[in-house]
Amino acid sequence: MILWFTSIQIVVAVAVGLFCVIAGLMGRRPSDYTVGALALIELLLIVQVVIAIIAPLAGNSPTGDLLEFWVYLVSAALLPIGGVTWALLERSRWSTVILGLLAFAVAIMLWRMEVIWTIQVA
């Protein structure tokens, strides 16, 4: 995978996580901004799926377990969708905090995916 793109994704996910957690602790309910922030992460994950499909065709194969990579990618893609759906139904300040925690979880999964793709150590 392209290290800089994954790094951008991780930075965005951490920033969104901080934004949502702080907004939730300040008593804010999920707003268009917090939901939109997770939508941005989802858009970046869709780009990641396209890259993961095209990269092996271009000769850039992962060095780690491909099944583990795809499990992380699918899980990371489903978390924002589930979190936003729950937040829109719940509409409490704690759902905003949960959105932030989901963004942190996605950031960790993205880092693990990068490790699997480029720097996997047996």
PDB file of N, CA and C in Angstrom:
ATOM      1  N   MET A   1       0.844  -1.174   0.000  1.00  0.00           N
ATOM      2  CA  MET A   1       0.000   0.000   0.000  1.00  0.00           C
ATOM      3  C   MET A   1       0.888   1.235   0.000  1.00  0.00           C
ATOM      4  N   ILE A   2       0.343   2.319  -0.362  1.00  0.00           N
ATOM      5  CA  ILE A   2       1.103   3.562  -0.390  1.00  0.00           C
ATOM      6  C   ILE A   2       1.148   4.119   1.026  1.00  0.00           C
ATOM      7  N   LEU A   3       2.379   4.226   1.554  1.00  0.00           N
ATOM      8  CA  LEU A   3       2.555   4.626   2.949  1.00  0.00           C
ATOM      9  C   LEU A   3       1.970   6.005   3.235  1.00  0.00           C
ATOM     10  N   TRP A   4       2.165   6.938   2.350  1.00  0.00           N
ATOM     11  CA  TRP A   4       1.674   8.296   2.618  1.00  0.00           C
ATOM     12  C   TRP A   4       0.155   8.332   2.664  1.00  0.00           C
ATOM     13  N   PHE A   5      -0.511   7.563   1.799  1.00  0.00           N
ATOM     14  CA  PHE A   5      -1.975   7.557   1.816  1.00  0.00           C
ATOM     15  C   PHE A   5      -2.491   6.956   3.109  1.00  0.00           C
ATOM     16  N   THR A   6      -1.894   5.858   3.526  1.00  0.00           N
ATOM     17  CA  THR A   6      -2.309   5.241   4.787  1.00  0.00           C
ATOM     18  C   THR A   6      -2.015   6.172   5.953  1.00  0.00           C
ATOM     19  N   SER A   7      -0.893   6.886   5.902  1.00  0.00           N
ATOM     20  CA  SER A   7      -0.569   7.844   6.963  1.00  0.00           C
ATOM     21  C   SER A   7      -1.617   8.956   7.033  1.00  0.00           C
ATOM     22  N   ILE A   8      -2.053   9.438   5.871  1.00  0.00           N
ATOM     23  CA  ILE A   8      -3.104  10.455   5.840  1.00  0.00           C
ATOM     24  C   ILE A   8      -4.384   9.897   6.447  1.00  0.00           C
ATOM     25  N   GLN A   9      -4.726   8.663   6.098  1.00  0.00           N
ATOM     26  CA  GLN A   9      -5.927   8.034   6.662  1.00  0.00           C
ATOM     27  C   GLN A   9      -5.839   7.947   8.177  1.00  0.00           C
ATOM     28  N   ILE A  10      -4.689   7.557   8.690  1.00  0.00           N
ATOM     29  CA  ILE A  10      -4.517   7.413  10.135  1.00  0.00           C
ATOM     30  C   ILE A  10      -4.642   8.769  10.819  1.00  0.00           C
ATOM     31  N   VAL A  11      -4.020   9.795  10.247  1.00  0.00           N
ATOM     32  CA  VAL A  11      -4.107  11.140  10.822  1.00  0.00           C
ATOM     33  C   VAL A  11      -5.561  11.619  10.825  1.00  0.00           C
ATOM     34  N   VAL A  12      -6.269  11.404   9.722  1.00  0.00           N
ATOM     35  CA  VAL A  12      -7.683  11.812   9.643  1.00  0.00           C
ATOM     36  C   VAL A  12      -8.505  11.052  10.681  1.00  0.00           C
ATOM     37  N   ALA A  13      -8.287   9.754  10.804  1.00  0.00           N
ATOM     38  CA  ALA A  13      -9.056   8.955  11.768  1.00  0.00           C
ATOM     39  C   ALA A  13      -8.788   9.413  13.196  1.00  0.00           C
ATOM     40  N   VAL A  14      -7.537   9.699  13.539  1.00  0.00           N
ATOM     41  CA  VAL A  14      -7.216  10.166  14.885  1.00  0.00           C
ATOM     42  C   VAL A  14      -7.823  11.550  15.126  1.00  0.00           C
ATOM     43  N   ALA A  15      -7.735  12.440  14.127  1.00  0.00           N
ATOM     44  CA  ALA A  15      -8.316  13.782  14.270  1.00  0.00           C
ATOM     45  C   ALA A  15      -9.826  13.706  14.457  1.00  0.00           C
ATOM     46  N   VAL A  16     -10.472  12.861  13.668  1.00  0.00           N
ATOM     47  CA  VAL A  16     -11.920  12.677  13.805  1.00  0.00           C
ATOM     48  C   VAL A  16     -12.244  12.098  15.183  1.00  0.00           C
ATOM     49  N   GLY A  17     -11.440  11.137  15.621  1.00  0.00           N
ATOM     50  CA  GLY A  17     -11.663  10.558  16.941  1.00  0.00           C
ATOM     51  C   GLY A  17     -11.582  11.600  18.038  1.00  0.00           C
ATOM     52  N   LEU A  18     -10.548  12.432  18.001  1.00  0.00           N
ATOM     53  CA  LEU A  18     -10.413  13.492  19.002  1.00  0.00           C
ATOM     54  C   LEU A  18     -11.585  14.469  18.930  1.00  0.00           C
ATOM     55  N   PHE A  19     -11.941  14.861  17.720  1.00  0.00           N
ATOM     56  CA  PHE A  19     -13.055  15.799  17.520  1.00  0.00           C
ATOM     57  C   PHE A  19     -14.348  15.242  18.121  1.00  0.00           C
ATOM     58  N   CYS A  20     -14.648  13.990  17.814  1.00  0.00           N
ATOM     59  CA  CYS A  20     -15.894  13.386  18.304  1.00  0.00           C
ATOM     60  C   CYS A  20     -15.879  13.176  19.810  1.00  0.00           C
ATOM     61  N   VAL A  21     -14.774  12.708  20.356  1.00  0.00           N
ATOM     62  CA  VAL A  21     -14.699  12.481  21.804  1.00  0.00           C
ATOM     63  C   VAL A  21     -14.840  13.803  22.558  1.00  0.00           C
ATOM     64  N   ILE A  22     -14.137  14.835  22.101  1.00  0.00           N
ATOM     65  CA  ILE A  22     -14.234  16.133  22.766  1.00  0.00           C
ATOM     66  C   ILE A  22     -15.653  16.686  22.656  1.00  0.00           C
ATOM     67  N   ALA A  23     -16.256  16.581  21.469  1.00  0.00           N
ATOM     68  CA  ALA A  23     -17.639  17.062  21.295  1.00  0.00           C
ATOM     69  C   ALA A  23     -18.590  16.294  22.208  1.00  0.00           C
ATOM     70  N   GLY A  24     -18.404  14.991  22.322  1.00  0.00           N
ATOM     71  CA  GLY A  24     -19.263  14.189  23.191  1.00  0.00           C
ATOM     72  C   GLY A  24     -19.101  14.539  24.656  1.00  0.00           C
ATOM     73  N   LEU A  25     -17.866  14.747  25.091  1.00  0.00           N
ATOM     74  CA  LEU A  25     -17.627  15.098  26.487  1.00  0.00           C
ATOM     75  C   LEU A  25     -18.125  16.502  26.816  1.00  0.00           C
ATOM     76  N   MET A  26     -18.228  17.355  25.791  1.00  0.00           N
ATOM     77  CA  MET A  26     -18.781  18.695  25.990  1.00  0.00           C
ATOM     78  C   MET A  26     -20.312  18.672  25.988  1.00  0.00           C
ATOM     79  N   GLY A  27     -20.884  17.492  25.819  1.00  0.00           N
ATOM     80  CA  GLY A  27     -22.332  17.358  25.876  1.00  0.00           C
ATOM     81  C   GLY A  27     -23.029  17.522  24.536  1.00  0.00           C
ATOM     82  N   ARG A  28     -22.273  17.518  23.461  1.00  0.00           N
ATOM     83  CA  ARG A  28     -22.868  17.691  22.141  1.00  0.00           C
ATOM     84  C   ARG A  28     -23.415  16.373  21.625  1.00  0.00           C
ATOM     85  N   ARG A  29     -24.535  16.445  20.990  1.00  0.00           N
ATOM     86  CA  ARG A  29     -25.105  15.273  20.336  1.00  0.00           C
ATOM     87  C   ARG A  29     -24.474  15.125  18.958  1.00  0.00           C
ATOM     88  N   PRO A  30     -24.635  13.970  18.322  1.00  0.00           N
ATOM     89  CA  PRO A  30     -24.063  13.816  16.977  1.00  0.00           C
ATOM     90  C   PRO A  30     -24.607  14.901  16.047  1.00  0.00           C
ATOM     91  N   SER A  31     -23.707  15.595  15.405  1.00  0.00           N
ATOM     92  CA  SER A  31     -24.104  16.661  14.496  1.00  0.00           C
ATOM     93  C   SER A  31     -23.728  16.264  13.071  1.00  0.00           C
ATOM     94  N   ASP A  32     -24.064  17.135  12.152  1.00  0.00           N
ATOM     95  CA  ASP A  32     -23.663  16.894  10.765  1.00  0.00           C
ATOM     96  C   ASP A  32     -22.147  16.817  10.648  1.00  0.00           C
ATOM     97  N   TYR A  33     -21.447  17.555  11.507  1.00  0.00           N
ATOM     98  CA  TYR A  33     -19.984  17.550  11.451  1.00  0.00           C
ATOM     99  C   TYR A  33     -19.402  16.219  11.906  1.00  0.00           C
ATOM    100  N   THR A  34     -19.918  15.681  13.010  1.00  0.00           N
ATOM    101  CA  THR A  34     -19.371  14.411  13.493  1.00  0.00           C
ATOM    102  C   THR A  34     -19.739  13.263  12.559  1.00  0.00           C
ATOM    103  N   VAL A  35     -20.965  13.273  12.060  1.00  0.00           N
ATOM    104  CA  VAL A  35     -21.373  12.231  11.124  1.00  0.00           C
ATOM    105  C   VAL A  35     -20.612  12.391   9.809  1.00  0.00           C
ATOM    106  N   GLY A  36     -20.440  13.623   9.366  1.00  0.00           N
ATOM    107  CA  GLY A  36     -19.683  13.883   8.140  1.00  0.00           C
ATOM    108  C   GLY A  36     -18.227  13.482   8.264  1.00  0.00           C
ATOM    109  N   ALA A  37     -17.651  13.655   9.467  1.00  0.00           N
ATOM    110  CA  ALA A  37     -16.265  13.266   9.688  1.00  0.00           C
ATOM    111  C   ALA A  37     -16.096  11.757   9.519  1.00  0.00           C
ATOM    112  N   LEU A  38     -17.042  10.989  10.052  1.00  0.00           N
ATOM    113  CA  LEU A  38     -16.962   9.549   9.862  1.00  0.00           C
ATOM    114  C   LEU A  38     -17.241   9.162   8.408  1.00  0.00           C
ATOM    115  N   ALA A  39     -18.071   9.930   7.734  1.00  0.00           N
ATOM    116  CA  ALA A  39     -18.300   9.685   6.305  1.00  0.00           C
ATOM    117  C   ALA A  39     -17.012   9.900   5.518  1.00  0.00           C
ATOM    118  N   LEU A  40     -16.187  10.871   5.934  1.00  0.00           N
ATOM    119  CA  LEU A  40     -14.893  11.089   5.289  1.00  0.00           C
ATOM    120  C   LEU A  40     -13.995   9.870   5.470  1.00  0.00           C
ATOM    121  N   ILE A  41     -13.979   9.312   6.683  1.00  0.00           N
ATOM    122  CA  ILE A  41     -13.190   8.099   6.919  1.00  0.00           C
ATOM    123  C   ILE A  41     -13.690   6.970   6.018  1.00  0.00           C
ATOM    124  N   GLU A  42     -15.000   6.831   5.895  1.00  0.00           N
ATOM    125  CA  GLU A  42     -15.569   5.773   5.051  1.00  0.00           C
ATOM    126  C   GLU A  42     -15.160   5.979   3.597  1.00  0.00           C
ATOM    127  N   LEU A  43     -15.159   7.216   3.127  1.00  0.00           N
ATOM    128  CA  LEU A  43     -14.733   7.503   1.754  1.00  0.00           C
ATOM    129  C   LEU A  43     -13.274   7.109   1.551  1.00  0.00           C
ATOM    130  N   LEU A  44     -12.416   7.431   2.521  1.00  0.00           N
ATOM    131  CA  LEU A  44     -11.012   7.041   2.433  1.00  0.00           C
ATOM    132  C   LEU A  44     -10.854   5.529   2.448  1.00  0.00           C
ATOM    133  N   LEU A  45     -11.708   4.830   3.195  1.00  0.00           N
ATOM    134  CA  LEU A  45     -11.641   3.368   3.224  1.00  0.00           C
ATOM    135  C   LEU A  45     -12.079   2.766   1.888  1.00  0.00           C
ATOM    136  N   ILE A  46     -13.030   3.406   1.224  1.00  0.00           N
ATOM    137  CA  ILE A  46     -13.432   2.918  -0.105  1.00  0.00           C
ATOM    138  C   ILE A  46     -12.277   3.073  -1.084  1.00  0.00           C
ATOM    139  N   VAL A  47     -11.553   4.192  -0.982  1.00  0.00           N
ATOM    140  CA  VAL A  47     -10.355   4.367  -1.815  1.00  0.00           C
ATOM    141  C   VAL A  47      -9.335   3.288  -1.477  1.00  0.00           C
ATOM    142  N   GLN A  48      -9.197   2.967  -0.191  1.00  0.00           N
ATOM    143  CA  GLN A  48      -8.260   1.914   0.240  1.00  0.00           C
ATOM    144  C   GLN A  48      -8.636   0.567  -0.376  1.00  0.00           C
ATOM    145  N   VAL A  49      -9.929   0.268  -0.457  1.00  0.00           N
ATOM    146  CA  VAL A  49     -10.383  -0.981  -1.086  1.00  0.00           C
ATOM    147  C   VAL A  49      -9.952  -1.011  -2.545  1.00  0.00           C
ATOM    148  N   VAL A  50     -10.142   0.093  -3.248  1.00  0.00           N
ATOM    149  CA  VAL A  50      -9.752   0.153  -4.665  1.00  0.00           C
ATOM    150  C   VAL A  50      -8.242  -0.047  -4.805  1.00  0.00           C
ATOM    151  N   ILE A  51      -7.464   0.623  -3.942  1.00  0.00           N
ATOM    152  CA  ILE A  51      -6.007   0.461  -3.985  1.00  0.00           C
ATOM    153  C   ILE A  51      -5.625  -0.985  -3.697  1.00  0.00           C
ATOM    154  N   ALA A  52      -6.278  -1.617  -2.720  1.00  0.00           N
ATOM    155  CA  ALA A  52      -5.956  -3.001  -2.350  1.00  0.00           C
ATOM    156  C   ALA A  52      -6.274  -3.968  -3.491  1.00  0.00           C
ATOM    157  N   ILE A  53      -7.241  -3.627  -4.321  1.00  0.00           N
ATOM    158  CA  ILE A  53      -7.565  -4.481  -5.457  1.00  0.00           C
ATOM    159  C   ILE A  53      -6.584  -4.255  -6.596  1.00  0.00           C
ATOM    160  N   ILE A  54      -6.215  -2.997  -6.838  1.00  0.00           N
ATOM    161  CA  ILE A  54      -5.360  -2.663  -7.976  1.00  0.00           C
ATOM    162  C   ILE A  54      -3.884  -2.946  -7.699  1.00  0.00           C
ATOM    163  N   ALA A  55      -3.416  -2.720  -6.478  1.00  0.00           N
ATOM    164  CA  ALA A  55      -1.995  -2.834  -6.149  1.00  0.00           C
ATOM    165  C   ALA A  55      -1.389  -4.195  -6.514  1.00  0.00           C
ATOM    166  N   PRO A  56      -2.034  -5.336  -6.203  1.00  0.00           N
ATOM    167  CA  PRO A  56      -1.432  -6.617  -6.587  1.00  0.00           C
ATOM    168  C   PRO A  56      -1.338  -6.792  -8.111  1.00  0.00           C
ATOM    169  N   LEU A  57      -2.267  -6.202  -8.837  1.00  0.00           N
ATOM    170  CA  LEU A  57      -2.218  -6.280 -10.293  1.00  0.00           C
ATOM    171  C   LEU A  57      -1.022  -5.512 -10.841  1.00  0.00           C
ATOM    172  N   ALA A  58      -0.569  -4.498 -10.097  1.00  0.00           N
ATOM    173  CA  ALA A  58       0.586  -3.706 -10.502  1.00  0.00           C
ATOM    174  C   ALA A  58       1.886  -4.294  -9.952  1.00  0.00           C
ATOM    175  N   GLY A  59       1.811  -5.451  -9.297  1.00  0.00           N
ATOM    176  CA  GLY A  59       2.998  -6.113  -8.782  1.00  0.00           C
ATOM    177  C   GLY A  59       3.373  -5.735  -7.360  1.00  0.00           C
ATOM    178  N   ASN A  60       2.534  -4.990  -6.670  1.00  0.00           N
ATOM    179  CA  ASN A  60       2.794  -4.596  -5.293  1.00  0.00           C
ATOM    180  C   ASN A  60       1.992  -5.509  -4.364  1.00  0.00           C
ATOM    181  N   SER A  61       2.549  -6.658  -4.049  1.00  0.00           N
ATOM    182  CA  SER A  61       1.854  -7.649  -3.225  1.00  0.00           C
ATOM    183  C   SER A  61       2.151  -7.435  -1.755  1.00  0.00           C
ATOM    184  N   PRO A  62       1.224  -7.826  -0.895  1.00  0.00           N
ATOM    185  CA  PRO A  62       1.475  -7.694   0.549  1.00  0.00           C
ATOM    186  C   PRO A  62       2.529  -8.692   1.002  1.00  0.00           C
ATOM    187  N   THR A  63       3.236  -8.324   2.078  1.00  0.00           N
ATOM    188  CA  THR A  63       4.250  -9.223   2.616  1.00  0.00           C
ATOM    189  C   THR A  63       3.683 -10.093   3.723  1.00  0.00           C
ATOM    190  N   GLY A  64       2.489  -9.752   4.212  1.00  0.00           N
ATOM    191  CA  GLY A  64       1.857 -10.512   5.284  1.00  0.00           C
ATOM    192  C   GLY A  64       0.661 -11.294   4.786  1.00  0.00           C
ATOM    193  N   ASP A  65      -0.140 -11.740   5.736  1.00  0.00           N
ATOM    194  CA  ASP A  65      -1.307 -12.564   5.460  1.00  0.00           C
ATOM    195  C   ASP A  65      -2.405 -11.731   4.796  1.00  0.00           C
ATOM    196  N   LEU A  66      -2.740 -12.074   3.567  1.00  0.00           N
ATOM    197  CA  LEU A  66      -3.739 -11.325   2.814  1.00  0.00           C
ATOM    198  C   LEU A  66      -5.127 -11.455   3.430  1.00  0.00           C
ATOM    199  N   LEU A  67      -5.459 -12.620   3.981  1.00  0.00           N
ATOM    200  CA  LEU A  67      -6.762 -12.801   4.627  1.00  0.00           C
ATOM    201  C   LEU A  67      -6.907 -11.862   5.830  1.00  0.00           C
ATOM    202  N   GLU A  68      -5.861 -11.765   6.641  1.00  0.00           N
ATOM    203  CA  GLU A  68      -5.898 -10.865   7.793  1.00  0.00           C
ATOM    204  C   GLU A  68      -6.068  -9.418   7.331  1.00  0.00           C
ATOM    205  N   PHE A  69      -5.374  -9.040   6.263  1.00  0.00           N
ATOM    206  CA  PHE A  69      -5.495  -7.690   5.718  1.00  0.00           C
ATOM    207  C   PHE A  69      -6.942  -7.377   5.346  1.00  0.00           C
ATOM    208  N   TRP A  70      -7.586  -8.300   4.604  1.00  0.00           N
ATOM    209  CA  TRP A  70      -8.956  -8.046   4.157  1.00  0.00           C
ATOM    210  C   TRP A  70      -9.956  -8.064   5.309  1.00  0.00           C
ATOM    211  N   VAL A  71      -9.696  -8.880   6.332  1.00  0.00           N
ATOM    212  CA  VAL A  71     -10.573  -8.868   7.507  1.00  0.00           C
ATOM    213  C   VAL A  71     -10.511  -7.504   8.189  1.00  0.00           C
ATOM    214  N   TYR A  72      -9.305  -6.963   8.334  1.00  0.00           N
ATOM    215  CA  TYR A  72      -9.167  -5.628   8.910  1.00  0.00           C
ATOM    216  C   TYR A  72      -9.850  -4.582   8.033  1.00  0.00           C
ATOM    217  N   LEU A  73      -9.662  -4.679   6.732  1.00  0.00           N
ATOM    218  CA  LEU A  73     -10.236  -3.683   5.825  1.00  0.00           C
ATOM    219  C   LEU A  73     -11.759  -3.711   5.842  1.00  0.00           C
ATOM    220  N   VAL A  74     -12.331  -4.895   5.811  1.00  0.00           N
ATOM    221  CA  VAL A  74     -13.800  -4.998   5.854  1.00  0.00           C
ATOM    222  C   VAL A  74     -14.329  -4.526   7.213  1.00  0.00           C
ATOM    223  N   SER A  75     -13.658  -4.927   8.291  1.00  0.00           N
ATOM    224  CA  SER A  75     -14.076  -4.483   9.627  1.00  0.00           C
ATOM    225  C   SER A  75     -13.989  -2.966   9.751  1.00  0.00           C
ATOM    226  N   ALA A  76     -12.887  -2.400   9.268  1.00  0.00           N
ATOM    227  CA  ALA A  76     -12.711  -0.950   9.330  1.00  0.00           C
ATOM    228  C   ALA A  76     -13.775  -0.233   8.505  1.00  0.00           C
ATOM    229  N   ALA A  77     -14.200  -0.829   7.401  1.00  0.00           N
ATOM    230  CA  ALA A  77     -15.222  -0.213   6.559  1.00  0.00           C
ATOM    231  C   ALA A  77     -16.614  -0.315   7.178  1.00  0.00           C
ATOM    232  N   LEU A  78     -16.863  -1.353   7.958  1.00  0.00           N
ATOM    233  CA  LEU A  78     -18.189  -1.524   8.562  1.00  0.00           C
ATOM    234  C   LEU A  78     -18.365  -0.708   9.845  1.00  0.00           C
ATOM    235  N   LEU A  79     -17.281  -0.442  10.571  1.00  0.00           N
ATOM    236  CA  LEU A  79     -17.391   0.297  11.827  1.00  0.00           C
ATOM    237  C   LEU A  79     -18.001   1.690  11.657  1.00  0.00           C
ATOM    238  N   PRO A  80     -17.528   2.514  10.729  1.00  0.00           N
ATOM    239  CA  PRO A  80     -18.148   3.840  10.597  1.00  0.00           C
ATOM    240  C   PRO A  80     -19.623   3.773  10.203  1.00  0.00           C
ATOM    241  N   ILE A  81     -19.972   2.849   9.348  1.00  0.00           N
ATOM    242  CA  ILE A  81     -21.377   2.714   8.927  1.00  0.00           C
ATOM    243  C   ILE A  81     -22.243   2.348  10.124  1.00  0.00           C
ATOM    244  N   GLY A  82     -21.815   1.346  10.888  1.00  0.00           N
ATOM    245  CA  GLY A  82     -22.563   0.940  12.077  1.00  0.00           C
ATOM    246  C   GLY A  82     -22.612   2.038  13.128  1.00  0.00           C
ATOM    247  N   GLY A  83     -21.489   2.725  13.331  1.00  0.00           N
ATOM    248  CA  GLY A  83     -21.435   3.791  14.327  1.00  0.00           C
ATOM    249  C   GLY A  83     -22.334   4.964  13.977  1.00  0.00           C
ATOM    250  N   VAL A  84     -22.319   5.364  12.723  1.00  0.00           N
ATOM    251  CA  VAL A  84     -23.165   6.480  12.296  1.00  0.00           C
ATOM    252  C   VAL A  84     -24.636   6.099  12.398  1.00  0.00           C
ATOM    253  N   THR A  85     -24.973   4.889  11.985  1.00  0.00           N
ATOM    254  CA  THR A  85     -26.367   4.432  12.083  1.00  0.00           C
ATOM    255  C   THR A  85     -26.831   4.457  13.532  1.00  0.00           C
ATOM    256  N   TRP A  86     -26.019   3.918  14.427  1.00  0.00           N
ATOM    257  CA  TRP A  86     -26.381   3.891  15.846  1.00  0.00           C
ATOM    258  C   TRP A  86     -26.478   5.309  16.403  1.00  0.00           C
ATOM    259  N   ALA A  87     -25.519   6.178  16.039  1.00  0.00           N
ATOM    260  CA  ALA A  87     -25.522   7.551  16.553  1.00  0.00           C
ATOM    261  C   ALA A  87     -26.760   8.310  16.093  1.00  0.00           C
ATOM    262  N   LEU A  88     -27.163   8.096  14.843  1.00  0.00           N
ATOM    263  CA  LEU A  88     -28.355   8.789  14.349  1.00  0.00           C
ATOM    264  C   LEU A  88     -29.626   8.279  15.029  1.00  0.00           C
ATOM    265  N   LEU A  89     -29.641   7.007  15.395  1.00  0.00           N
ATOM    266  CA  LEU A  89     -30.801   6.472  16.106  1.00  0.00           C
ATOM    267  C   LEU A  89     -30.791   6.875  17.579  1.00  0.00           C
ATOM    268  N   GLU A  90     -29.627   6.876  18.193  1.00  0.00           N
ATOM    269  CA  GLU A  90     -29.495   7.155  19.623  1.00  0.00           C
ATOM    270  C   GLU A  90     -29.577   8.650  19.920  1.00  0.00           C
ATOM    271  N   ARG A  91     -28.844   9.446  19.177  1.00  0.00           N
ATOM    272  CA  ARG A  91     -28.807  10.907  19.314  1.00  0.00           C
ATOM    273  C   ARG A  91     -28.472  11.395  20.723  1.00  0.00           C
ATOM    274  N   SER A  92     -27.533  10.731  21.378  1.00  0.00           N
ATOM    275  CA  SER A  92     -27.095  11.201  22.692  1.00  0.00           C
ATOM    276  C   SER A  92     -25.644  11.656  22.598  1.00  0.00           C
ATOM    277  N   ARG A  93     -25.194  12.351  23.622  1.00  0.00           N
ATOM    278  CA  ARG A  93     -23.807  12.812  23.601  1.00  0.00           C
ATOM    279  C   ARG A  93     -22.847  11.629  23.679  1.00  0.00           C
ATOM    280  N   TRP A  94     -23.300  10.531  24.313  1.00  0.00           N
ATOM    281  CA  TRP A  94     -22.417   9.365  24.426  1.00  0.00           C
ATOM    282  C   TRP A  94     -22.236   8.680  23.084  1.00  0.00           C
ATOM    283  N   SER A  95     -23.225   8.805  22.207  1.00  0.00           N
ATOM    284  CA  SER A  95     -23.027   8.223  20.878  1.00  0.00           C
ATOM    285  C   SER A  95     -21.957   8.995  20.111  1.00  0.00           C
ATOM    286  N   THR A  96     -21.790  10.283  20.419  1.00  0.00           N
ATOM    287  CA  THR A  96     -20.709  11.051  19.803  1.00  0.00           C
ATOM    288  C   THR A  96     -19.353  10.549  20.307  1.00  0.00           C
ATOM    289  N   VAL A  97     -19.266  10.240  21.600  1.00  0.00           N
ATOM    290  CA  VAL A  97     -18.032   9.681  22.149  1.00  0.00           C
ATOM    291  C   VAL A  97     -17.732   8.329  21.492  1.00  0.00           C
ATOM    292  N   ILE A  98     -18.747   7.509  21.331  1.00  0.00           N
ATOM    293  CA  ILE A  98     -18.558   6.204  20.682  1.00  0.00           C
ATOM    294  C   ILE A  98     -18.074   6.383  19.250  1.00  0.00           C
ATOM    295  N   LEU A  99     -18.602   7.387  18.532  1.00  0.00           N
ATOM    296  CA  LEU A  99     -18.112   7.657  17.175  1.00  0.00           C
ATOM    297  C   LEU A  99     -16.615   7.939  17.198  1.00  0.00           C
ATOM    298  N   GLY A 100     -16.178   8.705  18.187  1.00  0.00           N
ATOM    299  CA  GLY A 100     -14.752   8.992  18.309  1.00  0.00           C
ATOM    300  C   GLY A 100     -13.929   7.747  18.582  1.00  0.00           C
ATOM    301  N   LEU A 101     -14.428   6.898  19.464  1.00  0.00           N
ATOM    302  CA  LEU A 101     -13.710   5.655  19.767  1.00  0.00           C
ATOM    303  C   LEU A 101     -13.652   4.742  18.546  1.00  0.00           C
ATOM    304  N   LEU A 102     -14.709   4.733  17.748  1.00  0.00           N
ATOM    305  CA  LEU A 102     -14.691   3.952  16.508  1.00  0.00           C
ATOM    306  C   LEU A 102     -13.634   4.489  15.550  1.00  0.00           C
ATOM    307  N   ALA A 103     -13.496   5.797  15.494  1.00  0.00           N
ATOM    308  CA  ALA A 103     -12.473   6.378  14.623  1.00  0.00           C
ATOM    309  C   ALA A 103     -11.077   5.953  15.075  1.00  0.00           C
ATOM    310  N   PHE A 104     -10.839   5.906  16.400  1.00  0.00           N
ATOM    311  CA  PHE A 104      -9.551   5.424  16.899  1.00  0.00           C
ATOM    312  C   PHE A 104      -9.338   3.953  16.532  1.00  0.00           C
ATOM    313  N   ALA A 105     -10.396   3.145  16.632  1.00  0.00           N
ATOM    314  CA  ALA A 105     -10.288   1.727  16.259  1.00  0.00           C
ATOM    315  C   ALA A 105      -9.929   1.585  14.786  1.00  0.00           C
ATOM    316  N   VAL A 106     -10.536   2.409  13.947  1.00  0.00           N
ATOM    317  CA  VAL A 106     -10.217   2.373  12.517  1.00  0.00           C
ATOM    318  C   VAL A 106      -8.752   2.759  12.296  1.00  0.00           C
ATOM    319  N   ALA A 107      -8.254   3.756  13.033  1.00  0.00           N
ATOM    320  CA  ALA A 107      -6.848   4.167  12.895  1.00  0.00           C
ATOM    321  C   ALA A 107      -5.914   3.011  13.238  1.00  0.00           C
ATOM    322  N   ILE A 108      -6.226   2.261  14.292  1.00  0.00           N
ATOM    323  CA  ILE A 108      -5.393   1.117  14.676  1.00  0.00           C
ATOM    324  C   ILE A 108      -5.438   0.038  13.598  1.00  0.00           C
ATOM    325  N   MET A 109      -6.626  -0.219  13.060  1.00  0.00           N
ATOM    326  CA  MET A 109      -6.740  -1.212  11.985  1.00  0.00           C
ATOM    327  C   MET A 109      -5.960  -0.783  10.753  1.00  0.00           C
ATOM    328  N   LEU A 110      -5.998   0.505  10.428  1.00  0.00           N
ATOM    329  CA  LEU A 110      -5.257   1.000   9.268  1.00  0.00           C
ATOM    330  C   LEU A 110      -3.759   0.801   9.454  1.00  0.00           C
ATOM    331  N   TRP A 111      -3.270   1.062  10.670  1.00  0.00           N
ATOM    332  CA  TRP A 111      -1.846   0.857  10.912  1.00  0.00           C
ATOM    333  C   TRP A 111      -1.485  -0.625  10.770  1.00  0.00           C
ATOM    334  N   ARG A 112      -2.324  -1.494  11.297  1.00  0.00           N
ATOM    335  CA  ARG A 112      -2.058  -2.930  11.185  1.00  0.00           C
ATOM    336  C   ARG A 112      -2.091  -3.371   9.721  1.00  0.00           C
ATOM    337  N   MET A 113      -3.001  -2.798   8.938  1.00  0.00           N
ATOM    338  CA  MET A 113      -3.056  -3.124   7.511  1.00  0.00           C
ATOM    339  C   MET A 113      -1.766  -2.692   6.820  1.00  0.00           C
ATOM    340  N   GLU A 114      -1.232  -1.537   7.191  1.00  0.00           N
ATOM    341  CA  GLU A 114       0.028  -1.066   6.603  1.00  0.00           C
ATOM    342  C   GLU A 114       1.174  -2.003   6.965  1.00  0.00           C
ATOM    343  N   VAL A 115       1.177  -2.468   8.220  1.00  0.00           N
ATOM    344  CA  VAL A 115       2.213  -3.406   8.650  1.00  0.00           C
ATOM    345  C   VAL A 115       2.120  -4.698   7.843  1.00  0.00           C
ATOM    346  N   ILE A 116       0.923  -5.198   7.668  1.00  0.00           N
ATOM    347  CA  ILE A 116       0.724  -6.436   6.898  1.00  0.00           C
ATOM    348  C   ILE A 116       1.197  -6.236   5.455  1.00  0.00           C
ATOM    349  N   TRP A 117       0.892  -5.080   4.875  1.00  0.00           N
ATOM    350  CA  TRP A 117       1.197  -4.864   3.465  1.00  0.00           C
ATOM    351  C   TRP A 117       2.676  -4.648   3.210  1.00  0.00           C
ATOM    352  N   THR A 118       3.351  -3.919   4.120  1.00  0.00           N
ATOM    353  CA  THR A 118       4.714  -3.510   3.783  1.00  0.00           C
ATOM    354  C   THR A 118       5.800  -4.040   4.705  1.00  0.00           C
ATOM    355  N   ILE A 119       5.557  -4.090   5.995  1.00  0.00           N
ATOM    356  CA  ILE A 119       6.678  -4.356   6.908  1.00  0.00           C
ATOM    357  C   ILE A 119       6.402  -5.541   7.826  1.00  0.00           C
ATOM    358  N   GLN A 120       5.633  -6.499   7.340  1.00  0.00           N
ATOM    359  CA  GLN A 120       5.304  -7.687   8.141  1.00  0.00           C
ATOM    360  C   GLN A 120       6.581  -8.439   8.498  1.00  0.00           C
ATOM    361  N   VAL A 121       6.699  -8.773   9.761  1.00  0.00           N
ATOM    362  CA  VAL A 121       7.844  -9.556  10.234  1.00  0.00           C
ATOM    363  C   VAL A 121       7.305 -10.899  10.707  1.00  0.00           C
ATOM    364  N   ALA A 122       7.892 -11.978  10.212  1.00  0.00           N
ATOM    365  CA  ALA A 122       7.416 -13.319  10.556  1.00  0.00           C
ATOM    366  C   ALA A 122       7.773 -13.684  11.973  1.00  0.00           C
TER     367      ALA A 122
END
